[in-house]
Amino acid sequence: MKELLFKKNLLAVIFMLIGIGLIVTGLLSGQAASVLNKARRICMECIGIG
């Protein structure tokens, strides 16, 4: 039972580290500003301002 719990926790930690790595990679490459600009444009179009 403990072995199964350890494997599940290990898998969760591995996926979390991969996710954090991808987020950091995106931030370092400047993708956050691009995503924010696209989100702003879509929102403005949805409410009819842009």
N, C-alpha and C. Protein backbone atom coordinates (compact mmCIF):
# COMPACT_ATOMS: atom_id res chain seq x y z
N MET A 1 0.83 -1.20 0.00
CA MET A 1 0.00 0.00 0.00
C MET A 1 0.86 1.25 0.00
N LYS A 2 1.90 1.26 0.87
CA LYS A 2 2.76 2.44 0.93
C LYS A 2 3.54 2.63 -0.35
N GLU A 3 3.89 1.49 -1.00
CA GLU A 3 4.64 1.57 -2.25
C GLU A 3 3.80 2.24 -3.34
N LEU A 4 2.52 1.90 -3.40
CA LEU A 4 1.62 2.49 -4.38
C LEU A 4 1.46 3.99 -4.13
N LEU A 5 1.31 4.36 -2.86
CA LEU A 5 1.18 5.77 -2.51
C LEU A 5 2.45 6.53 -2.87
N PHE A 6 3.61 5.92 -2.63
CA PHE A 6 4.88 6.55 -2.98
C PHE A 6 4.99 6.76 -4.48
N LYS A 7 4.58 5.77 -5.27
CA LYS A 7 4.64 5.88 -6.74
C LYS A 7 3.70 6.98 -7.23
N LYS A 8 2.51 7.08 -6.65
CA LYS A 8 1.56 8.12 -7.05
C LYS A 8 2.10 9.50 -6.71
N ASN A 9 2.69 9.63 -5.51
CA ASN A 9 3.25 10.91 -5.11
C ASN A 9 4.45 11.27 -5.98
N LEU A 10 5.28 10.30 -6.30
CA LEU A 10 6.44 10.54 -7.15
C LEU A 10 6.00 11.00 -8.54
N LEU A 11 4.99 10.36 -9.08
CA LEU A 11 4.47 10.75 -10.39
C LEU A 11 3.91 12.17 -10.34
N ALA A 12 3.20 12.52 -9.27
CA ALA A 12 2.65 13.86 -9.13
C ALA A 12 3.77 14.89 -9.05
N VAL A 13 4.83 14.59 -8.32
CA VAL A 13 5.96 15.51 -8.19
C VAL A 13 6.66 15.67 -9.54
N ILE A 14 6.82 14.59 -10.27
CA ILE A 14 7.46 14.67 -11.59
C ILE A 14 6.65 15.57 -12.52
N PHE A 15 5.34 15.37 -12.57
CA PHE A 15 4.49 16.20 -13.44
C PHE A 15 4.51 17.66 -12.99
N MET A 16 4.55 17.89 -11.69
CA MET A 16 4.61 19.26 -11.18
C MET A 16 5.91 19.93 -11.60
N LEU A 17 7.02 19.22 -11.51
CA LEU A 17 8.30 19.78 -11.91
C LEU A 17 8.36 20.05 -13.41
N ILE A 18 7.78 19.17 -14.20
CA ILE A 18 7.71 19.40 -15.64
C ILE A 18 6.88 20.65 -15.93
N GLY A 19 5.74 20.80 -15.25
CA GLY A 19 4.89 21.97 -15.44
C GLY A 19 5.59 23.26 -15.05
N ILE A 20 6.28 23.24 -13.92
CA ILE A 20 7.02 24.43 -13.49
C ILE A 20 8.11 24.76 -14.50
N GLY A 21 8.80 23.74 -15.01
CA GLY A 21 9.83 23.96 -16.02
C GLY A 21 9.27 24.59 -17.28
N LEU A 22 8.11 24.13 -17.72
CA LEU A 22 7.50 24.71 -18.92
C LEU A 22 7.04 26.15 -18.68
N ILE A 23 6.52 26.43 -17.50
CA ILE A 23 6.11 27.80 -17.18
C ILE A 23 7.31 28.72 -17.17
N VAL A 24 8.40 28.29 -16.54
CA VAL A 24 9.61 29.12 -16.49
C VAL A 24 10.16 29.33 -17.89
N THR A 25 10.16 28.30 -18.72
CA THR A 25 10.63 28.43 -20.10
C THR A 25 9.79 29.46 -20.86
N GLY A 26 8.49 29.41 -20.69
CA GLY A 26 7.61 30.37 -21.35
C GLY A 26 7.84 31.80 -20.86
N LEU A 27 8.05 31.95 -19.57
CA LEU A 27 8.30 33.28 -19.02
C LEU A 27 9.62 33.85 -19.53
N LEU A 28 10.64 33.02 -19.56
CA LEU A 28 11.97 33.47 -20.01
C LEU A 28 12.00 33.81 -21.49
N SER A 29 11.13 33.18 -22.27
CA SER A 29 11.12 33.44 -23.72
C SER A 29 10.16 34.57 -24.09
N GLY A 30 9.50 35.18 -23.10
CA GLY A 30 8.63 36.33 -23.37
C GLY A 30 7.23 35.99 -23.81
N GLN A 31 6.79 34.77 -23.59
CA GLN A 31 5.47 34.36 -24.04
C GLN A 31 4.34 34.93 -23.18
N ALA A 32 4.64 35.31 -21.95
CA ALA A 32 3.59 35.82 -21.06
C ALA A 32 2.97 37.10 -21.62
N ALA A 33 3.79 37.99 -22.13
CA ALA A 33 3.27 39.23 -22.70
C ALA A 33 2.42 38.96 -23.93
N SER A 34 2.85 38.00 -24.74
CA SER A 34 2.09 37.64 -25.94
C SER A 34 0.72 37.09 -25.58
N VAL A 35 0.67 36.21 -24.61
CA VAL A 35 -0.60 35.62 -24.18
C VAL A 35 -1.51 36.69 -23.59
N LEU A 36 -0.95 37.60 -22.79
CA LEU A 36 -1.75 38.66 -22.19
C LEU A 36 -2.33 39.58 -23.26
N ASN A 37 -1.53 39.93 -24.27
CA ASN A 37 -2.03 40.78 -25.35
C ASN A 37 -3.16 40.10 -26.12
N LYS A 38 -3.00 38.82 -26.40
CA LYS A 38 -4.06 38.08 -27.11
C LYS A 38 -5.33 38.01 -26.28
N ALA A 39 -5.18 37.78 -24.99
CA ALA A 39 -6.35 37.70 -24.11
C ALA A 39 -7.07 39.04 -24.05
N ARG A 40 -6.30 40.12 -24.01
CA ARG A 40 -6.92 41.45 -23.99
C ARG A 40 -7.71 41.72 -25.26
N ARG A 41 -7.10 41.36 -26.41
CA ARG A 41 -7.79 41.58 -27.69
C ARG A 41 -9.07 40.76 -27.77
N ILE A 42 -9.01 39.51 -27.36
CA ILE A 42 -10.20 38.65 -27.42
C ILE A 42 -11.29 39.21 -26.50
N CYS A 43 -10.92 39.66 -25.31
CA CYS A 43 -11.90 40.20 -24.37
C CYS A 43 -12.55 41.46 -24.93
N MET A 44 -11.75 42.33 -25.51
CA MET A 44 -12.30 43.56 -26.09
C MET A 44 -13.26 43.24 -27.23
N GLU A 45 -12.94 42.23 -28.04
CA GLU A 45 -13.82 41.86 -29.13
C GLU A 45 -15.12 41.26 -28.60
N CYS A 46 -15.03 40.50 -27.51
CA CYS A 46 -16.23 39.85 -26.96
C CYS A 46 -17.24 40.89 -26.45
N ILE A 47 -16.76 41.96 -25.84
CA ILE A 47 -17.69 42.95 -25.31
C ILE A 47 -17.98 44.07 -26.31
N GLY A 48 -17.37 43.98 -27.49
CA GLY A 48 -17.70 44.90 -28.57
C GLY A 48 -16.95 46.22 -28.56
N ILE A 49 -15.88 46.34 -27.80
CA ILE A 49 -15.13 47.60 -27.77
C ILE A 49 -14.06 47.62 -28.87
N GLY A 50 -13.38 46.48 -29.06
CA GLY A 50 -12.25 46.41 -29.97
C GLY A 50 -12.67 46.00 -31.31
